[in-house]
Amino acid sequence: MLKIKKQTLRKCSVTGNSYPKNELIRFAKDKNNQIKFDPDHKLGGRGGYCKNNAETIEIFFKKKLLNKAFRTNIENKVHEEMKEEVSAWLKNKQENQI
C-alpha cells in the first residue's frame, strides 16, 4: 500500500490564500526576536510566508507585511535588509536556472 504524502499548506501574508510550502518564501522570527530570510524553510521559530513571485514580494515589502506576519513593529532597516536579501536570492536563483 502506498502512503500518500500530505501537502503542507501555508497562508500568504499578501493574498491571504493558502499555497503549498514550496510555492512560498519564508521569513523566520527566533526566540531573540531576530528576523531572518529562510529560503530553505528550515529555521526554527515563527514563520511568515509570501508567494514567490516578483509582484507579490514587492507588495509584501511595500506594505511592510512583516509587521502583520509577526504581530510586531519591525524597524525600516530590517525591512530594507530583508528586501535586499530576497532580491539577491531571487537573482542568484534565476542565474542558476539559466
PDB file of N, CA and C in Angstrom:
ATOM      1  N   MET A   1       0.834  -1.166   0.000  1.00  0.00           N
ATOM      2  CA  MET A   1       0.000   0.000   0.000  1.00  0.00           C
ATOM      3  C   MET A   1       0.890   1.245   0.000  1.00  0.00           C
ATOM      4  N   LEU A   2       0.591   2.172  -0.878  1.00  0.00           N
ATOM      5  CA  LEU A   2       1.364   3.399  -0.972  1.00  0.00           C
ATOM      6  C   LEU A   2       0.877   4.418   0.044  1.00  0.00           C
ATOM      7  N   LYS A   3       1.836   5.089   0.639  1.00  0.00           N
ATOM      8  CA  LYS A   3       1.487   6.172   1.541  1.00  0.00           C
ATOM      9  C   LYS A   3       1.365   7.449   0.729  1.00  0.00           C
ATOM     10  N   ILE A   4       0.313   8.164   0.915  1.00  0.00           N
ATOM     11  CA  ILE A   4       0.136   9.437   0.225  1.00  0.00           C
ATOM     12  C   ILE A   4       0.645  10.535   1.143  1.00  0.00           C
ATOM     13  N   LYS A   5       1.615  11.290   0.640  1.00  0.00           N
ATOM     14  CA  LYS A   5       2.185  12.356   1.435  1.00  0.00           C
ATOM     15  C   LYS A   5       1.258  13.563   1.390  1.00  0.00           C
ATOM     16  N   LYS A   6       0.927  14.045   2.546  1.00  0.00           N
ATOM     17  CA  LYS A   6       0.036  15.189   2.660  1.00  0.00           C
ATOM     18  C   LYS A   6       0.831  16.468   2.395  1.00  0.00           C
ATOM     19  N   GLN A   7       0.297  17.344   1.548  1.00  0.00           N
ATOM     20  CA  GLN A   7       0.975  18.595   1.249  1.00  0.00           C
ATOM     21  C   GLN A   7       0.690  19.602   2.352  1.00  0.00           C
ATOM     22  N   THR A   8       1.740  20.247   2.833  1.00  0.00           N
ATOM     23  CA  THR A   8       1.595  21.241   3.873  1.00  0.00           C
ATOM     24  C   THR A   8       1.264  22.577   3.230  1.00  0.00           C
ATOM     25  N   LEU A   9       0.157  23.174   3.647  1.00  0.00           N
ATOM     26  CA  LEU A   9      -0.261  24.467   3.117  1.00  0.00           C
ATOM     27  C   LEU A   9       0.044  25.560   4.129  1.00  0.00           C
ATOM     28  N   ARG A  10       0.427  26.714   3.626  1.00  0.00           N
ATOM     29  CA  ARG A  10       0.657  27.892   4.451  1.00  0.00           C
ATOM     30  C   ARG A  10      -0.033  29.070   3.789  1.00  0.00           C
ATOM     31  N   LYS A  11      -0.365  30.077   4.592  1.00  0.00           N
ATOM     32  CA  LYS A  11      -1.097  31.227   4.081  1.00  0.00           C
ATOM     33  C   LYS A  11      -0.140  32.361   3.715  1.00  0.00           C
ATOM     34  N   CYS A  12      -0.315  32.906   2.528  1.00  0.00           N
ATOM     35  CA  CYS A  12       0.470  34.048   2.062  1.00  0.00           C
ATOM     36  C   CYS A  12      -0.021  35.302   2.781  1.00  0.00           C
ATOM     37  N   SER A  13       0.902  36.109   3.303  1.00  0.00           N
ATOM     38  CA  SER A  13       0.533  37.333   4.012  1.00  0.00           C
ATOM     39  C   SER A  13      -0.059  38.383   3.086  1.00  0.00           C
ATOM     40  N   VAL A  14       0.250  38.319   1.803  1.00  0.00           N
ATOM     41  CA  VAL A  14      -0.226  39.322   0.846  1.00  0.00           C
ATOM     42  C   VAL A  14      -1.614  38.974   0.332  1.00  0.00           C
ATOM     43  N   THR A  15      -1.774  37.782  -0.197  1.00  0.00           N
ATOM     44  CA  THR A  15      -3.033  37.413  -0.844  1.00  0.00           C
ATOM     45  C   THR A  15      -4.051  36.816   0.116  1.00  0.00           C
ATOM     46  N   GLY A  16      -3.580  36.239   1.212  1.00  0.00           N
ATOM     47  CA  GLY A  16      -4.485  35.585   2.146  1.00  0.00           C
ATOM     48  C   GLY A  16      -4.891  34.191   1.713  1.00  0.00           C
ATOM     49  N   ASN A  17      -4.361  33.720   0.596  1.00  0.00           N
ATOM     50  CA  ASN A  17      -4.666  32.383   0.092  1.00  0.00           C
ATOM     51  C   ASN A  17      -3.646  31.375   0.615  1.00  0.00           C
ATOM     52  N   SER A  18      -4.054  30.126   0.695  1.00  0.00           N
ATOM     53  CA  SER A  18      -3.158  29.056   1.126  1.00  0.00           C
ATOM     54  C   SER A  18      -2.494  28.410  -0.081  1.00  0.00           C
ATOM     55  N   TYR A  19      -1.188  28.146   0.054  1.00  0.00           N
ATOM     56  CA  TYR A  19      -0.394  27.545  -1.013  1.00  0.00           C
ATOM     57  C   TYR A  19       0.503  26.465  -0.413  1.00  0.00           C
ATOM     58  N   PRO A  20       0.970  25.523  -1.229  1.00  0.00           N
ATOM     59  CA  PRO A  20       1.978  24.568  -0.746  1.00  0.00           C
ATOM     60  C   PRO A  20       3.259  25.319  -0.364  1.00  0.00           C
ATOM     61  N   LYS A  21       3.978  24.808   0.618  1.00  0.00           N
ATOM     62  CA  LYS A  21       5.166  25.491   1.118  1.00  0.00           C
ATOM     63  C   LYS A  21       6.200  25.761   0.034  1.00  0.00           C
ATOM     64  N   ASN A  22       6.290  24.883  -0.969  1.00  0.00           N
ATOM     65  CA  ASN A  22       7.319  25.062  -1.998  1.00  0.00           C
ATOM     66  C   ASN A  22       7.020  26.226  -2.937  1.00  0.00           C
ATOM     67  N   GLU A  23       5.823  26.808  -2.884  1.00  0.00           N
ATOM     68  CA  GLU A  23       5.479  27.966  -3.709  1.00  0.00           C
ATOM     69  C   GLU A  23       5.652  29.280  -2.952  1.00  0.00           C
ATOM     70  N   LEU A  24       6.105  29.205  -1.708  1.00  0.00           N
ATOM     71  CA  LEU A  24       6.212  30.383  -0.857  1.00  0.00           C
ATOM     72  C   LEU A  24       7.653  30.611  -0.424  1.00  0.00           C
ATOM     73  N   ILE A  25       7.950  31.858  -0.066  1.00  0.00           N
ATOM     74  CA  ILE A  25       9.220  32.147   0.592  1.00  0.00           C
ATOM     75  C   ILE A  25       8.903  32.391   2.060  1.00  0.00           C
ATOM     76  N   ARG A  26       9.873  32.118   2.929  1.00  0.00           N
ATOM     77  CA  ARG A  26       9.618  32.159   4.369  1.00  0.00           C
ATOM     78  C   ARG A  26      10.570  33.113   5.062  1.00  0.00           C
ATOM     79  N   PHE A  27      10.023  33.785   6.059  1.00  0.00           N
ATOM     80  CA  PHE A  27      10.806  34.604   6.968  1.00  0.00           C
ATOM     81  C   PHE A  27      10.598  34.014   8.352  1.00  0.00           C
ATOM     82  N   ALA A  28      11.656  33.911   9.146  1.00  0.00           N
ATOM     83  CA  ALA A  28      11.563  33.286  10.461  1.00  0.00           C
ATOM     84  C   ALA A  28      11.940  34.288  11.542  1.00  0.00           C
ATOM     85  N   LYS A  29      11.207  34.220  12.641  1.00  0.00           N
ATOM     86  CA  LYS A  29      11.497  35.045  13.815  1.00  0.00           C
ATOM     87  C   LYS A  29      11.859  34.093  14.944  1.00  0.00           C
ATOM     88  N   ASP A  30      13.095  34.215  15.459  1.00  0.00           N
ATOM     89  CA  ASP A  30      13.528  33.294  16.504  1.00  0.00           C
ATOM     90  C   ASP A  30      13.175  33.817  17.897  1.00  0.00           C
ATOM     91  N   LYS A  31      13.614  33.106  18.919  1.00  0.00           N
ATOM     92  CA  LYS A  31      13.287  33.472  20.303  1.00  0.00           C
ATOM     93  C   LYS A  31      13.870  34.819  20.709  1.00  0.00           C
ATOM     94  N   ASN A  32      14.943  35.227  20.057  1.00  0.00           N
ATOM     95  CA  ASN A  32      15.593  36.506  20.363  1.00  0.00           C
ATOM     96  C   ASN A  32      15.020  37.648  19.543  1.00  0.00           C
ATOM     97  N   ASN A  33      13.888  37.413  18.882  1.00  0.00           N
ATOM     98  CA  ASN A  33      13.207  38.396  18.031  1.00  0.00           C
ATOM     99  C   ASN A  33      14.039  38.835  16.837  1.00  0.00           C
ATOM    100  N   GLN A  34      14.969  37.993  16.416  1.00  0.00           N
ATOM    101  CA  GLN A  34      15.743  38.258  15.211  1.00  0.00           C
ATOM    102  C   GLN A  34      14.961  37.721  14.018  1.00  0.00           C
ATOM    103  N   ILE A  35      14.810  38.538  12.984  1.00  0.00           N
ATOM    104  CA  ILE A  35      14.081  38.110  11.799  1.00  0.00           C
ATOM    105  C   ILE A  35      15.090  37.790  10.704  1.00  0.00           C
ATOM    106  N   LYS A  36      14.909  36.616  10.098  1.00  0.00           N
ATOM    107  CA  LYS A  36      15.842  36.159   9.072  1.00  0.00           C
ATOM    108  C   LYS A  36      15.069  35.628   7.880  1.00  0.00           C
ATOM    109  N   PHE A  37      15.645  35.790   6.707  1.00  0.00           N
ATOM    110  CA  PHE A  37      15.094  35.201   5.494  1.00  0.00           C
ATOM    111  C   PHE A  37      15.448  33.720   5.509  1.00  0.00           C
ATOM    112  N   ASP A  38      14.466  32.864   5.234  1.00  0.00           N
ATOM    113  CA  ASP A  38      14.650  31.417   5.344  1.00  0.00           C
ATOM    114  C   ASP A  38      14.269  30.731   4.032  1.00  0.00           C
ATOM    115  N   PRO A  39      15.145  30.770   3.021  1.00  0.00           N
ATOM    116  CA  PRO A  39      14.794  30.192   1.719  1.00  0.00           C
ATOM    117  C   PRO A  39      14.627  28.675   1.743  1.00  0.00           C
ATOM    118  N   ASP A  40      15.242  28.001   2.714  1.00  0.00           N
ATOM    119  CA  ASP A  40      15.166  26.539   2.777  1.00  0.00           C
ATOM    120  C   ASP A  40      14.058  26.032   3.697  1.00  0.00           C
ATOM    121  N   HIS A  41      13.346  26.939   4.354  1.00  0.00           N
ATOM    122  CA  HIS A  41      12.244  26.581   5.260  1.00  0.00           C
ATOM    123  C   HIS A  41      12.722  25.672   6.389  1.00  0.00           C
ATOM    124  N   LYS A  42      13.926  25.909   6.906  1.00  0.00           N
ATOM    125  CA  LYS A  42      14.470  25.013   7.925  1.00  0.00           C
ATOM    126  C   LYS A  42      14.750  25.689   9.258  1.00  0.00           C
ATOM    127  N   LEU A  43      14.720  27.008   9.311  1.00  0.00           N
ATOM    128  CA  LEU A  43      14.990  27.686  10.568  1.00  0.00           C
ATOM    129  C   LEU A  43      13.817  27.509  11.519  1.00  0.00           C
ATOM    130  N   GLY A  44      14.117  27.480  12.803  1.00  0.00           N
ATOM    131  CA  GLY A  44      13.071  27.355  13.806  1.00  0.00           C
ATOM    132  C   GLY A  44      12.397  28.688  14.062  1.00  0.00           C
ATOM    133  N   GLY A  45      11.338  28.656  14.824  1.00  0.00           N
ATOM    134  CA  GLY A  45      10.638  29.874  15.203  1.00  0.00           C
ATOM    135  C   GLY A  45       9.405  30.124  14.366  1.00  0.00           C
ATOM    136  N   ARG A  46       8.758  31.228  14.657  1.00  0.00           N
ATOM    137  CA  ARG A  46       7.533  31.599  13.957  1.00  0.00           C
ATOM    138  C   ARG A  46       7.861  31.972  12.516  1.00  0.00           C
ATOM    139  N   GLY A  47       7.031  31.548  11.592  1.00  0.00           N
ATOM    140  CA  GLY A  47       7.271  31.814  10.181  1.00  0.00           C
ATOM    141  C   GLY A  47       6.246  32.745   9.584  1.00  0.00           C
ATOM    142  N   GLY A  48       6.695  33.595   8.684  1.00  0.00           N
ATOM    143  CA  GLY A  48       5.824  34.445   7.882  1.00  0.00           C
ATOM    144  C   GLY A  48       6.068  34.103   6.422  1.00  0.00           C
ATOM    145  N   TYR A  49       4.998  33.978   5.638  1.00  0.00           N
ATOM    146  CA  TYR A  49       5.122  33.481   4.269  1.00  0.00           C
ATOM    147  C   TYR A  49       4.624  34.487   3.249  1.00  0.00           C
ATOM    148  N   CYS A  50       5.221  34.420   2.050  1.00  0.00           N
ATOM    149  CA  CYS A  50       4.846  35.274   0.929  1.00  0.00           C
ATOM    150  C   CYS A  50       4.988  34.456  -0.354  1.00  0.00           C
ATOM    151  N   LYS A  51       4.033  34.609  -1.261  1.00  0.00           N
ATOM    152  CA  LYS A  51       4.067  33.905  -2.553  1.00  0.00           C
ATOM    153  C   LYS A  51       5.353  34.275  -3.281  1.00  0.00           C
ATOM    154  N   ASN A  52       5.958  33.307  -3.910  1.00  0.00           N
ATOM    155  CA  ASN A  52       7.251  33.509  -4.558  1.00  0.00           C
ATOM    156  C   ASN A  52       7.081  34.004  -5.992  1.00  0.00           C
ATOM    157  N   ASN A  53       6.624  35.255  -6.150  1.00  0.00           N
ATOM    158  CA  ASN A  53       6.666  35.921  -7.450  1.00  0.00           C
ATOM    159  C   ASN A  53       6.951  37.401  -7.221  1.00  0.00           C
ATOM    160  N   ALA A  54       7.488  38.063  -8.218  1.00  0.00           N
ATOM    161  CA  ALA A  54       8.002  39.423  -8.064  1.00  0.00           C
ATOM    162  C   ALA A  54       6.936  40.414  -7.599  1.00  0.00           C
ATOM    163  N   GLU A  55       5.736  40.343  -8.163  1.00  0.00           N
ATOM    164  CA  GLU A  55       4.679  41.291  -7.798  1.00  0.00           C
ATOM    165  C   GLU A  55       4.287  41.151  -6.334  1.00  0.00           C
ATOM    166  N   THR A  56       4.095  39.930  -5.894  1.00  0.00           N
ATOM    167  CA  THR A  56       3.677  39.686  -4.513  1.00  0.00           C
ATOM    168  C   THR A  56       4.772  40.088  -3.533  1.00  0.00           C
ATOM    169  N   ILE A  57       6.012  39.803  -3.865  1.00  0.00           N
ATOM    170  CA  ILE A  57       7.125  40.177  -2.994  1.00  0.00           C
ATOM    171  C   ILE A  57       7.224  41.691  -2.880  1.00  0.00           C
ATOM    172  N   GLU A  58       7.025  42.399  -3.991  1.00  0.00           N
ATOM    173  CA  GLU A  58       7.062  43.860  -3.977  1.00  0.00           C
ATOM    174  C   GLU A  58       5.978  44.420  -3.058  1.00  0.00           C
ATOM    175  N   ILE A  59       4.769  43.889  -3.160  1.00  0.00           N
ATOM    176  CA  ILE A  59       3.668  44.331  -2.295  1.00  0.00           C
ATOM    177  C   ILE A  59       3.982  44.006  -0.836  1.00  0.00           C
ATOM    178  N   PHE A  60       4.552  42.825  -0.592  1.00  0.00           N
ATOM    179  CA  PHE A  60       4.896  42.381   0.759  1.00  0.00           C
ATOM    180  C   PHE A  60       5.793  43.402   1.457  1.00  0.00           C
ATOM    181  N   PHE A  61       6.807  43.888   0.748  1.00  0.00           N
ATOM    182  CA  PHE A  61       7.720  44.846   1.364  1.00  0.00           C
ATOM    183  C   PHE A  61       7.174  46.267   1.336  1.00  0.00           C
ATOM    184  N   LYS A  62       6.424  46.624   0.310  1.00  0.00           N
ATOM    185  CA  LYS A  62       5.863  47.967   0.210  1.00  0.00           C
ATOM    186  C   LYS A  62       4.876  48.238   1.350  1.00  0.00           C
ATOM    187  N   LYS A  63       4.048  47.231   1.660  1.00  0.00           N
ATOM    188  CA  LYS A  63       3.054  47.375   2.730  1.00  0.00           C
ATOM    189  C   LYS A  63       3.600  46.972   4.099  1.00  0.00           C
ATOM    190  N   LYS A  64       4.863  46.582   4.145  1.00  0.00           N
ATOM    191  CA  LYS A  64       5.533  46.168   5.377  1.00  0.00           C
ATOM    192  C   LYS A  64       4.749  45.076   6.101  1.00  0.00           C
ATOM    193  N   LEU A  65       4.438  44.022   5.367  1.00  0.00           N
ATOM    194  CA  LEU A  65       3.633  42.940   5.914  1.00  0.00           C
ATOM    195  C   LEU A  65       4.406  42.008   6.844  1.00  0.00           C
ATOM    196  N   LEU A  66       5.711  42.249   7.016  1.00  0.00           N
ATOM    197  CA  LEU A  66       6.436  41.522   8.059  1.00  0.00           C
ATOM    198  C   LEU A  66       5.841  41.868   9.421  1.00  0.00           C
ATOM    199  N   ASN A  67       5.397  43.119   9.577  1.00  0.00           N
ATOM    200  CA  ASN A  67       4.749  43.534  10.826  1.00  0.00           C
ATOM    201  C   ASN A  67       3.513  42.691  11.092  1.00  0.00           C
ATOM    202  N   LYS A  68       2.717  42.481  10.066  1.00  0.00           N
ATOM    203  CA  LYS A  68       1.492  41.685  10.201  1.00  0.00           C
ATOM    204  C   LYS A  68       1.820  40.223  10.486  1.00  0.00           C
ATOM    205  N   ALA A  69       2.789  39.687   9.771  1.00  0.00           N
ATOM    206  CA  ALA A  69       3.127  38.272   9.916  1.00  0.00           C
ATOM    207  C   ALA A  69       3.638  37.949  11.319  1.00  0.00           C
ATOM    208  N   PHE A  70       4.396  38.866  11.905  1.00  0.00           N
ATOM    209  CA  PHE A  70       4.988  38.604  13.215  1.00  0.00           C
ATOM    210  C   PHE A  70       4.310  39.366  14.347  1.00  0.00           C
ATOM    211  N   ARG A  71       3.242  40.080  14.037  1.00  0.00           N
ATOM    212  CA  ARG A  71       2.440  40.802  15.035  1.00  0.00           C
ATOM    213  C   ARG A  71       3.297  41.712  15.906  1.00  0.00           C
ATOM    214  N   THR A  72       4.157  42.474  15.262  1.00  0.00           N
ATOM    215  CA  THR A  72       5.036  43.394  15.967  1.00  0.00           C
ATOM    216  C   THR A  72       5.471  44.497  15.012  1.00  0.00           C
ATOM    217  N   ASN A  73       6.030  45.570  15.545  1.00  0.00           N
ATOM    218  CA  ASN A  73       6.570  46.632  14.694  1.00  0.00           C
ATOM    219  C   ASN A  73       8.041  46.343  14.434  1.00  0.00           C
ATOM    220  N   ILE A  74       8.387  46.304  13.171  1.00  0.00           N
ATOM    221  CA  ILE A  74       9.751  45.992  12.757  1.00  0.00           C
ATOM    222  C   ILE A  74      10.353  47.246  12.143  1.00  0.00           C
ATOM    223  N   GLU A  75      11.598  47.516  12.487  1.00  0.00           N
ATOM    224  CA  GLU A  75      12.270  48.721  12.009  1.00  0.00           C
ATOM    225  C   GLU A  75      12.405  48.719  10.491  1.00  0.00           C
ATOM    226  N   ASN A  76      12.420  49.928   9.919  1.00  0.00           N
ATOM    227  CA  ASN A  76      12.581  50.073   8.467  1.00  0.00           C
ATOM    228  C   ASN A  76      13.891  49.453   7.989  1.00  0.00           C
ATOM    229  N   LYS A  77      14.923  49.553   8.825  1.00  0.00           N
ATOM    230  CA  LYS A  77      16.230  48.994   8.476  1.00  0.00           C
ATOM    231  C   LYS A  77      16.126  47.484   8.228  1.00  0.00           C
ATOM    232  N   VAL A  78      15.368  46.796   9.062  1.00  0.00           N
ATOM    233  CA  VAL A  78      15.199  45.345   8.925  1.00  0.00           C
ATOM    234  C   VAL A  78      14.434  45.030   7.647  1.00  0.00           C
ATOM    235  N   HIS A  79      13.395  45.843   7.345  1.00  0.00           N
ATOM    236  CA  HIS A  79      12.639  45.647   6.104  1.00  0.00           C
ATOM    237  C   HIS A  79      13.559  45.774   4.894  1.00  0.00           C
ATOM    238  N   GLU A  80      14.405  46.788   4.899  1.00  0.00           N
ATOM    239  CA  GLU A  80      15.322  47.004   3.777  1.00  0.00           C
ATOM    240  C   GLU A  80      16.325  45.856   3.649  1.00  0.00           C
ATOM    241  N   GLU A  81      16.856  45.391   4.790  1.00  0.00           N
ATOM    242  CA  GLU A  81      17.804  44.272   4.757  1.00  0.00           C
ATOM    243  C   GLU A  81      17.156  43.017   4.179  1.00  0.00           C
ATOM    244  N   MET A  82      15.932  42.737   4.611  1.00  0.00           N
ATOM    245  CA  MET A  82      15.222  41.557   4.110  1.00  0.00           C
ATOM    246  C   MET A  82      14.937  41.685   2.614  1.00  0.00           C
ATOM    247  N   LYS A  83      14.551  42.882   2.190  1.00  0.00           N
ATOM    248  CA  LYS A  83      14.255  43.114   0.776  1.00  0.00           C
ATOM    249  C   LYS A  83      15.503  42.882  -0.078  1.00  0.00           C
ATOM    250  N   GLU A  84      16.648  43.399   0.377  1.00  0.00           N
ATOM    251  CA  GLU A  84      17.903  43.208  -0.354  1.00  0.00           C
ATOM    252  C   GLU A  84      18.301  41.734  -0.389  1.00  0.00           C
ATOM    253  N   GLU A  85      18.120  41.049   0.729  1.00  0.00           N
ATOM    254  CA  GLU A  85      18.479  39.632   0.806  1.00  0.00           C
ATOM    255  C   GLU A  85      17.613  38.788  -0.134  1.00  0.00           C
ATOM    256  N   VAL A  86      16.311  39.081  -0.175  1.00  0.00           N
ATOM    257  CA  VAL A  86      15.402  38.349  -1.062  1.00  0.00           C
ATOM    258  C   VAL A  86      15.731  38.651  -2.518  1.00  0.00           C
ATOM    259  N   SER A  87      16.028  39.916  -2.824  1.00  0.00           N
ATOM    260  CA  SER A  87      16.381  40.290  -4.199  1.00  0.00           C
ATOM    261  C   SER A  87      17.636  39.552  -4.659  1.00  0.00           C
ATOM    262  N   ALA A  88      18.639  39.492  -3.788  1.00  0.00           N
ATOM    263  CA  ALA A  88      19.875  38.784  -4.126  1.00  0.00           C
ATOM    264  C   ALA A  88      19.607  37.291  -4.316  1.00  0.00           C
ATOM    265  N   TRP A  89      18.768  36.712  -3.464  1.00  0.00           N
ATOM    266  CA  TRP A  89      18.432  35.290  -3.567  1.00  0.00           C
ATOM    267  C   TRP A  89      17.698  34.999  -4.872  1.00  0.00           C
ATOM    268  N   LEU A  90      16.723  35.853  -5.226  1.00  0.00           N
ATOM    269  CA  LEU A  90      15.975  35.662  -6.473  1.00  0.00           C
ATOM    270  C   LEU A  90      16.889  35.775  -7.690  1.00  0.00           C
ATOM    271  N   LYS A  91      17.795  36.767  -7.653  1.00  0.00           N
ATOM    272  CA  LYS A  91      18.729  36.966  -8.764  1.00  0.00           C
ATOM    273  C   LYS A  91      19.636  35.743  -8.911  1.00  0.00           C
ATOM    274  N   ASN A  92      20.147  35.251  -7.799  1.00  0.00           N
ATOM    275  CA  ASN A  92      21.013  34.074  -7.811  1.00  0.00           C
ATOM    276  C   ASN A  92      20.252  32.843  -8.302  1.00  0.00           C
ATOM    277  N   LYS A  93      19.021  32.698  -7.872  1.00  0.00           N
ATOM    278  CA  LYS A  93      18.193  31.560  -8.275  1.00  0.00           C
ATOM    279  C   LYS A  93      17.929  31.590  -9.783  1.00  0.00           C
ATOM    280  N   GLN A  94      17.664  32.779 -10.337  1.00  0.00           N
ATOM    281  CA  GLN A  94      17.409  32.917 -11.767  1.00  0.00           C
ATOM    282  C   GLN A  94      18.666  32.627 -12.575  1.00  0.00           C
ATOM    283  N   GLU A  95      19.821  33.068 -12.085  1.00  0.00           N
ATOM    284  CA  GLU A  95      21.080  32.816 -12.784  1.00  0.00           C
ATOM    285  C   GLU A  95      21.400  31.322 -12.810  1.00  0.00           C
ATOM    286  N   ASN A  96      21.073  30.620 -11.739  1.00  0.00           N
ATOM    287  CA  ASN A  96      21.353  29.182 -11.676  1.00  0.00           C
ATOM    288  C   ASN A  96      20.430  28.373 -12.569  1.00  0.00           C
ATOM    289  N   GLN A  97      19.259  28.901 -12.897  1.00  0.00           N
ATOM    290  CA  GLN A  97      18.322  28.190 -13.755  1.00  0.00           C
ATOM    291  C   GLN A  97      18.695  28.291 -15.219  1.00  0.00           C
ATOM    292  N   ILE A  98      19.463  29.296 -15.566  1.00  0.00           N
ATOM    293  CA  ILE A  98      19.826  29.513 -16.973  1.00  0.00           C
ATOM    294  C   ILE A  98      20.897  28.560 -17.415  1.00  0.00           C
TER     295      ILE A  98
END
